Amino acid sequence: MAYNNGFPATYPQYYTPQYQYQVQPQQPQQNSSIIWVQGEAGAKSYLVAPNTTVQLWDSETQRIFLKSADASGMPSMKVLEYTIRDQTPANGPVAASTPQVTNPTDYATRAEIEALAAQIDTLKAEIEGKTKKGAALNE
């Protein structure tokens, strides 16, 4: 009987190839797409890998869920409410490029203010005079 490398020729010769495996550390994938869930129940049921945090956007209300898992895989979740604002706030500062147009009739001149002060002084004097006369009559 003929022998091939210690095996009889009648048996098939088995070849075991030598593979070289390179072990690469696995890192969590950074997914930039938005993950939509249905309500808080959907966010609670979403599975998160250990040592990762994901943003889950609620498709029913204006909420964002930040769901994390620690090294042991224990999940925790934070709920954020958000509102959408206009780009130009109603009470915000006016742009510097917008000129302010003033109407001259909106303001009083110094002469008008002095005339009004004189009228107030005369009315005050009349009131004080009447009160002095009334006080004299009551005595």
N, C-alpha and C. Protein backbone atom coordinates (compact mmCIF):
# COMPACT_ATOMS: atom_id res chain seq x y z
N MET A 1 0.85 -1.15 0.00
CA MET A 1 0.00 0.00 0.00
C MET A 1 0.90 1.22 0.00
N ALA A 2 0.53 2.23 -0.79
CA ALA A 2 1.31 3.45 -0.89
C ALA A 2 0.88 4.43 0.20
N TYR A 3 1.84 5.16 0.66
CA TYR A 3 1.56 6.13 1.71
C TYR A 3 1.88 7.55 1.21
N ASN A 4 1.00 8.48 1.58
CA ASN A 4 1.19 9.89 1.27
C ASN A 4 1.30 10.65 2.58
N ASN A 5 2.42 11.16 2.89
CA ASN A 5 2.64 11.91 4.14
C ASN A 5 2.10 11.17 5.36
N GLY A 6 2.28 9.93 5.41
CA GLY A 6 1.87 9.15 6.56
C GLY A 6 0.46 8.63 6.46
N PHE A 7 -0.29 9.00 5.43
CA PHE A 7 -1.65 8.50 5.24
C PHE A 7 -1.66 7.50 4.10
N PRO A 8 -2.48 6.51 4.17
CA PRO A 8 -2.58 5.58 3.04
C PRO A 8 -3.11 6.29 1.81
N ALA A 9 -2.72 5.89 0.64
CA ALA A 9 -3.11 6.54 -0.61
C ALA A 9 -4.59 6.41 -0.88
N THR A 10 -5.23 5.41 -0.32
CA THR A 10 -6.65 5.20 -0.57
C THR A 10 -7.52 6.22 0.16
N TYR A 11 -7.00 6.81 1.19
CA TYR A 11 -7.75 7.84 1.91
C TYR A 11 -7.49 9.20 1.26
N PRO A 12 -8.50 10.06 1.25
CA PRO A 12 -8.26 11.39 0.68
C PRO A 12 -7.32 12.20 1.56
N GLN A 13 -6.51 12.97 0.89
CA GLN A 13 -5.57 13.81 1.64
C GLN A 13 -6.29 15.11 1.99
N TYR A 14 -6.31 15.43 3.26
CA TYR A 14 -7.00 16.63 3.72
C TYR A 14 -6.03 17.78 3.79
N TYR A 15 -6.50 18.91 3.31
CA TYR A 15 -5.68 20.11 3.34
C TYR A 15 -6.29 21.08 4.33
N THR A 16 -5.53 21.53 5.28
CA THR A 16 -6.00 22.53 6.24
C THR A 16 -5.27 23.82 5.98
N PRO A 17 -5.92 24.80 5.37
CA PRO A 17 -5.23 26.06 5.08
C PRO A 17 -4.95 26.83 6.37
N GLN A 18 -3.92 27.63 6.36
CA GLN A 18 -3.55 28.45 7.49
C GLN A 18 -4.15 29.85 7.31
N TYR A 19 -5.13 30.17 8.12
CA TYR A 19 -5.76 31.50 8.05
C TYR A 19 -5.13 32.39 9.11
N GLN A 20 -4.96 33.64 8.74
CA GLN A 20 -4.49 34.62 9.71
C GLN A 20 -5.63 35.59 9.97
N TYR A 21 -6.07 35.63 11.19
CA TYR A 21 -7.16 36.52 11.58
C TYR A 21 -6.58 37.77 12.22
N GLN A 22 -7.09 38.90 11.79
CA GLN A 22 -6.69 40.15 12.44
C GLN A 22 -7.86 40.61 13.29
N VAL A 23 -7.60 40.75 14.57
CA VAL A 23 -8.64 41.16 15.49
C VAL A 23 -8.63 42.68 15.57
N GLN A 24 -9.75 43.28 15.22
CA GLN A 24 -9.87 44.73 15.29
C GLN A 24 -10.84 45.07 16.42
N PRO A 25 -10.49 46.05 17.22
CA PRO A 25 -11.42 46.42 18.30
C PRO A 25 -12.70 47.00 17.71
N GLN A 26 -13.83 46.58 18.24
CA GLN A 26 -15.10 47.09 17.75
C GLN A 26 -15.44 48.38 18.45
N GLN A 27 -15.78 49.36 17.66
CA GLN A 27 -16.20 50.65 18.19
C GLN A 27 -17.66 50.85 17.82
N PRO A 28 -18.40 51.54 18.67
CA PRO A 28 -19.81 51.77 18.34
C PRO A 28 -19.91 52.61 17.06
N GLN A 29 -20.86 52.26 16.24
CA GLN A 29 -21.03 52.99 14.99
C GLN A 29 -21.71 54.32 15.26
N GLN A 30 -21.17 55.35 14.66
CA GLN A 30 -21.76 56.68 14.77
C GLN A 30 -22.76 56.84 13.63
N ASN A 31 -24.01 56.77 13.97
CA ASN A 31 -25.06 56.86 12.96
C ASN A 31 -25.60 58.28 12.96
N SER A 32 -25.46 58.98 11.86
CA SER A 32 -25.88 60.37 11.81
C SER A 32 -27.33 60.52 11.39
N SER A 33 -28.01 59.42 11.09
CA SER A 33 -29.41 59.52 10.70
C SER A 33 -30.29 59.62 11.95
N ILE A 34 -31.47 60.16 11.75
CA ILE A 34 -32.41 60.35 12.86
C ILE A 34 -33.17 59.06 13.08
N ILE A 35 -33.28 58.66 14.34
CA ILE A 35 -34.02 57.45 14.70
C ILE A 35 -35.38 57.90 15.24
N TRP A 36 -36.45 57.53 14.56
CA TRP A 36 -37.80 57.91 14.96
C TRP A 36 -38.43 56.77 15.76
N VAL A 37 -39.09 57.12 16.86
CA VAL A 37 -39.83 56.16 17.67
C VAL A 37 -41.23 56.70 17.89
N GLN A 38 -42.15 55.82 18.26
CA GLN A 38 -43.52 56.24 18.52
C GLN A 38 -43.74 56.37 20.02
N GLY A 39 -43.62 57.58 20.50
CA GLY A 39 -43.90 57.87 21.90
C GLY A 39 -42.86 57.33 22.86
N GLU A 40 -43.16 57.51 24.13
CA GLU A 40 -42.24 57.09 25.17
C GLU A 40 -42.12 55.57 25.24
N ALA A 41 -43.20 54.88 24.92
CA ALA A 41 -43.15 53.41 24.93
C ALA A 41 -42.18 52.89 23.88
N GLY A 42 -42.15 53.53 22.71
CA GLY A 42 -41.21 53.14 21.67
C GLY A 42 -39.77 53.41 22.08
N ALA A 43 -39.55 54.51 22.78
CA ALA A 43 -38.20 54.84 23.24
C ALA A 43 -37.74 53.87 24.32
N LYS A 44 -38.65 53.47 25.21
CA LYS A 44 -38.28 52.53 26.27
C LYS A 44 -37.96 51.16 25.70
N SER A 45 -38.64 50.78 24.63
CA SER A 45 -38.40 49.44 24.08
C SER A 45 -37.23 49.40 23.10
N TYR A 46 -36.64 50.55 22.78
CA TYR A 46 -35.50 50.57 21.85
C TYR A 46 -34.25 50.05 22.57
N LEU A 47 -33.59 49.07 22.00
CA LEU A 47 -32.41 48.47 22.63
C LEU A 47 -31.17 49.30 22.35
N VAL A 48 -30.36 49.51 23.39
CA VAL A 48 -29.13 50.30 23.28
C VAL A 48 -27.97 49.41 23.71
N ALA A 49 -26.90 49.42 22.94
CA ALA A 49 -25.71 48.64 23.28
C ALA A 49 -25.03 49.23 24.51
N PRO A 50 -24.30 48.43 25.28
CA PRO A 50 -23.60 48.96 26.46
C PRO A 50 -22.60 50.05 26.07
N ASN A 51 -22.46 51.02 26.95
CA ASN A 51 -21.56 52.16 26.78
C ASN A 51 -21.88 53.02 25.57
N THR A 52 -23.14 53.13 25.21
CA THR A 52 -23.53 53.99 24.09
C THR A 52 -24.72 54.84 24.48
N THR A 53 -24.90 55.93 23.72
CA THR A 53 -26.03 56.84 23.88
C THR A 53 -26.61 57.10 22.50
N VAL A 54 -27.93 57.07 22.41
CA VAL A 54 -28.60 57.35 21.14
C VAL A 54 -29.65 58.42 21.34
N GLN A 55 -29.90 59.19 20.25
CA GLN A 55 -30.97 60.18 20.24
C GLN A 55 -32.16 59.55 19.55
N LEU A 56 -33.29 59.55 20.22
CA LEU A 56 -34.51 58.99 19.65
C LEU A 56 -35.53 60.11 19.54
N TRP A 57 -36.01 60.37 18.33
CA TRP A 57 -36.95 61.46 18.08
C TRP A 57 -38.36 60.90 18.07
N ASP A 58 -39.25 61.54 18.84
CA ASP A 58 -40.63 61.10 18.94
C ASP A 58 -41.39 61.56 17.70
N SER A 59 -42.09 60.64 17.05
CA SER A 59 -42.85 60.99 15.85
C SER A 59 -44.24 61.51 16.19
N GLU A 60 -44.64 61.45 17.46
CA GLU A 60 -45.98 61.87 17.85
C GLU A 60 -46.01 63.24 18.52
N THR A 61 -44.98 63.57 19.28
CA THR A 61 -44.92 64.86 19.99
C THR A 61 -43.55 65.47 19.76
N GLN A 62 -43.35 66.67 20.27
CA GLN A 62 -42.08 67.37 20.11
C GLN A 62 -41.16 67.01 21.27
N ARG A 63 -40.62 65.80 21.21
CA ARG A 63 -39.72 65.31 22.25
C ARG A 63 -38.53 64.61 21.62
N ILE A 64 -37.42 64.66 22.36
CA ILE A 64 -36.23 63.90 22.02
C ILE A 64 -35.88 63.07 23.25
N PHE A 65 -35.65 61.79 23.05
CA PHE A 65 -35.25 60.91 24.14
C PHE A 65 -33.76 60.62 23.99
N LEU A 66 -33.00 60.84 25.05
CA LEU A 66 -31.58 60.47 25.07
C LEU A 66 -31.48 59.20 25.91
N LYS A 67 -31.29 58.09 25.22
CA LYS A 67 -31.24 56.81 25.91
C LYS A 67 -29.81 56.33 25.94
N SER A 68 -29.34 55.96 27.13
CA SER A 68 -27.97 55.50 27.34
C SER A 68 -27.99 54.15 28.02
N ALA A 69 -26.88 53.46 27.88
CA ALA A 69 -26.69 52.22 28.62
C ALA A 69 -25.28 52.24 29.19
N ASP A 70 -25.16 51.86 30.46
CA ASP A 70 -23.84 51.84 31.09
C ASP A 70 -23.09 50.58 30.68
N ALA A 71 -21.93 50.35 31.28
CA ALA A 71 -21.08 49.22 30.90
C ALA A 71 -21.76 47.88 31.12
N SER A 72 -22.65 47.80 32.11
CA SER A 72 -23.34 46.54 32.37
C SER A 72 -24.59 46.37 31.51
N GLY A 73 -24.93 47.40 30.71
CA GLY A 73 -26.10 47.33 29.84
C GLY A 73 -27.36 47.87 30.46
N MET A 74 -27.27 48.46 31.67
CA MET A 74 -28.45 49.02 32.33
C MET A 74 -28.83 50.34 31.66
N PRO A 75 -30.06 50.44 31.11
CA PRO A 75 -30.44 51.65 30.38
C PRO A 75 -30.92 52.76 31.30
N SER A 76 -30.75 54.00 30.82
CA SER A 76 -31.33 55.18 31.46
C SER A 76 -31.77 56.11 30.34
N MET A 77 -32.75 56.96 30.64
CA MET A 77 -33.30 57.80 29.58
C MET A 77 -33.63 59.19 30.10
N LYS A 78 -33.32 60.20 29.29
CA LYS A 78 -33.68 61.58 29.58
C LYS A 78 -34.64 62.04 28.49
N VAL A 79 -35.65 62.83 28.89
CA VAL A 79 -36.66 63.31 27.95
C VAL A 79 -36.47 64.80 27.78
N LEU A 80 -36.34 65.26 26.54
CA LEU A 80 -36.19 66.68 26.24
C LEU A 80 -37.40 67.15 25.44
N GLU A 81 -37.99 68.27 25.84
CA GLU A 81 -39.07 68.90 25.08
C GLU A 81 -38.45 70.00 24.23
N TYR A 82 -38.93 70.17 23.01
CA TYR A 82 -38.41 71.24 22.18
C TYR A 82 -39.54 72.00 21.52
N THR A 83 -39.28 73.27 21.23
CA THR A 83 -40.24 74.12 20.52
C THR A 83 -39.55 74.71 19.30
N ILE A 84 -40.34 75.02 18.30
CA ILE A 84 -39.82 75.60 17.07
C ILE A 84 -40.12 77.09 17.11
N ARG A 85 -39.09 77.89 16.92
CA ARG A 85 -39.23 79.35 16.93
C ARG A 85 -39.05 79.91 15.54
N ASP A 86 -39.58 81.13 15.33
CA ASP A 86 -39.30 81.84 14.10
C ASP A 86 -37.86 82.32 14.14
N GLN A 87 -37.31 82.61 12.96
CA GLN A 87 -35.93 83.08 12.93
C GLN A 87 -35.82 84.51 13.42
N THR A 88 -36.86 85.31 13.29
CA THR A 88 -36.83 86.69 13.77
C THR A 88 -37.74 86.78 14.99
N PRO A 89 -37.18 86.85 16.17
CA PRO A 89 -38.01 86.92 17.38
C PRO A 89 -38.78 88.24 17.44
N ALA A 90 -39.99 88.20 17.99
CA ALA A 90 -40.86 89.38 18.05
C ALA A 90 -40.28 90.45 18.96
N ASN A 91 -39.68 90.06 20.09
CA ASN A 91 -39.16 91.03 21.05
C ASN A 91 -37.65 91.19 20.94
N GLY A 92 -37.07 90.67 19.89
CA GLY A 92 -35.62 90.74 19.75
C GLY A 92 -35.15 92.11 19.32
N PRO A 93 -33.84 92.33 19.26
CA PRO A 93 -33.31 93.62 18.87
C PRO A 93 -33.59 93.89 17.40
N VAL A 94 -33.75 95.18 17.10
CA VAL A 94 -34.00 95.60 15.72
C VAL A 94 -32.66 95.62 14.99
N ALA A 95 -32.67 95.20 13.77
CA ALA A 95 -31.43 95.15 12.99
C ALA A 95 -30.86 96.55 12.82
N ALA A 96 -29.54 96.66 12.84
CA ALA A 96 -28.88 97.96 12.74
C ALA A 96 -29.08 98.59 11.38
N SER A 97 -29.34 97.80 10.35
CA SER A 97 -29.48 98.35 9.01
C SER A 97 -30.84 98.99 8.79
N THR A 98 -31.82 98.74 9.68
CA THR A 98 -33.14 99.33 9.54
C THR A 98 -33.13 100.74 10.09
N PRO A 99 -33.37 101.77 9.24
CA PRO A 99 -33.36 103.15 9.75
C PRO A 99 -34.64 103.43 10.56
N GLN A 100 -34.49 104.21 11.60
CA GLN A 100 -35.61 104.62 12.42
C GLN A 100 -36.18 105.92 11.88
N VAL A 101 -37.43 105.89 11.47
CA VAL A 101 -38.08 107.09 10.95
C VAL A 101 -38.89 107.68 12.09
N THR A 102 -38.59 108.94 12.45
CA THR A 102 -39.31 109.60 13.52
C THR A 102 -40.24 110.65 12.93
N ASN A 103 -41.38 110.77 13.51
CA ASN A 103 -42.37 111.75 13.09
C ASN A 103 -42.24 112.97 14.00
N PRO A 104 -42.00 114.14 13.44
CA PRO A 104 -41.81 115.32 14.30
C PRO A 104 -43.05 115.67 15.11
N THR A 105 -44.24 115.24 14.71
CA THR A 105 -45.45 115.57 15.47
C THR A 105 -45.59 114.69 16.70
N ASP A 106 -44.75 113.67 16.84
CA ASP A 106 -44.80 112.80 18.01
C ASP A 106 -44.15 113.44 19.24
N TYR A 107 -43.42 114.53 19.06
CA TYR A 107 -42.69 115.15 20.16
C TYR A 107 -43.17 116.59 20.38
N ALA A 108 -43.06 117.05 21.63
CA ALA A 108 -43.44 118.41 21.98
C ALA A 108 -42.20 119.30 21.98
N THR A 109 -42.40 120.55 21.60
CA THR A 109 -41.28 121.50 21.63
C THR A 109 -41.13 122.03 23.04
N ARG A 110 -40.00 122.68 23.29
CA ARG A 110 -39.75 123.23 24.62
C ARG A 110 -40.77 124.33 24.94
N ALA A 111 -41.15 125.10 23.97
CA ALA A 111 -42.13 126.17 24.20
C ALA A 111 -43.48 125.58 24.61
N GLU A 112 -43.88 124.48 23.97
CA GLU A 112 -45.15 123.85 24.34
C GLU A 112 -45.09 123.27 25.75
N ILE A 113 -43.96 122.73 26.13
CA ILE A 113 -43.82 122.18 27.48
C ILE A 113 -43.86 123.30 28.52
N GLU A 114 -43.20 124.42 28.24
CA GLU A 114 -43.21 125.55 29.19
C GLU A 114 -44.60 126.15 29.31
N ALA A 115 -45.36 126.22 28.20
CA ALA A 115 -46.73 126.73 28.25
C ALA A 115 -47.61 125.81 29.09
N LEU A 116 -47.43 124.51 28.96
CA LEU A 116 -48.20 123.54 29.74
C LEU A 116 -47.84 123.65 31.22
N ALA A 117 -46.55 123.86 31.53
CA ALA A 117 -46.12 124.03 32.92
C ALA A 117 -46.76 125.29 33.52
N ALA A 118 -46.86 126.35 32.74
CA ALA A 118 -47.49 127.59 33.23
C ALA A 118 -48.97 127.36 33.52
N GLN A 119 -49.66 126.61 32.65
CA GLN A 119 -51.08 126.33 32.89
C GLN A 119 -51.24 125.50 34.17
N ILE A 120 -50.36 124.56 34.39
CA ILE A 120 -50.43 123.73 35.59
C ILE A 120 -50.21 124.58 36.83
N ASP A 121 -49.27 125.52 36.76
CA ASP A 121 -49.01 126.39 37.92
C ASP A 121 -50.22 127.26 38.23
N THR A 122 -50.89 127.80 37.22
CA THR A 122 -52.07 128.64 37.47
C THR A 122 -53.21 127.81 38.04
N LEU A 123 -53.40 126.60 37.53
CA LEU A 123 -54.45 125.74 38.07
C LEU A 123 -54.15 125.35 39.51
N LYS A 124 -52.88 125.13 39.79
CA LYS A 124 -52.48 124.79 41.15
C LYS A 124 -52.74 125.96 42.10
N ALA A 125 -52.46 127.14 41.64
CA ALA A 125 -52.68 128.32 42.47
C ALA A 125 -54.18 128.53 42.72
N GLU A 126 -55.00 128.30 41.71
CA GLU A 126 -56.45 128.43 41.90
C GLU A 126 -56.97 127.42 42.91
N ILE A 127 -56.48 126.18 42.82
CA ILE A 127 -56.93 125.13 43.74
C ILE A 127 -56.51 125.47 45.16
N GLU A 128 -55.27 125.93 45.31
CA GLU A 128 -54.81 126.27 46.66
C GLU A 128 -55.58 127.46 47.21
N GLY A 129 -55.92 128.41 46.34
CA GLY A 129 -56.69 129.57 46.78
C GLY A 129 -58.08 129.17 47.23
N LYS A 130 -58.72 128.26 46.51
CA LYS A 130 -60.07 127.82 46.88
C LYS A 130 -60.03 127.04 48.19
N THR A 131 -59.01 126.26 48.39
CA THR A 131 -58.94 125.48 49.62
C THR A 131 -58.67 126.40 50.81
N LYS A 132 -57.93 127.47 50.60
CA LYS A 132 -57.69 128.41 51.70
C LYS A 132 -58.96 129.17 52.04
N LYS A 133 -59.76 129.54 51.02
CA LYS A 133 -61.02 130.22 51.27
C LYS A 133 -62.00 129.29 51.97
N GLY A 134 -62.03 128.03 51.54
CA GLY A 134 -62.94 127.05 52.15
C GLY A 134 -62.54 126.77 53.57
N ALA A 135 -61.25 126.77 53.86
CA ALA A 135 -60.79 126.53 55.21
C ALA A 135 -61.14 127.71 56.09
N ALA A 136 -61.07 128.93 55.53
CA ALA A 136 -61.40 130.12 56.31
C ALA A 136 -62.89 130.16 56.62
N LEU A 137 -63.75 129.72 55.70
CA LEU A 137 -65.18 129.71 55.93
C LEU A 137 -65.59 128.66 56.96
N ASN A 138 -64.88 127.58 57.02
CA ASN A 138 -65.22 126.50 57.95
C ASN A 138 -64.81 126.83 59.37
N GLU A 139 -63.97 127.81 59.57
CA GLU A 139 -63.47 128.09 60.92
C GLU A 139 -64.40 128.93 61.71
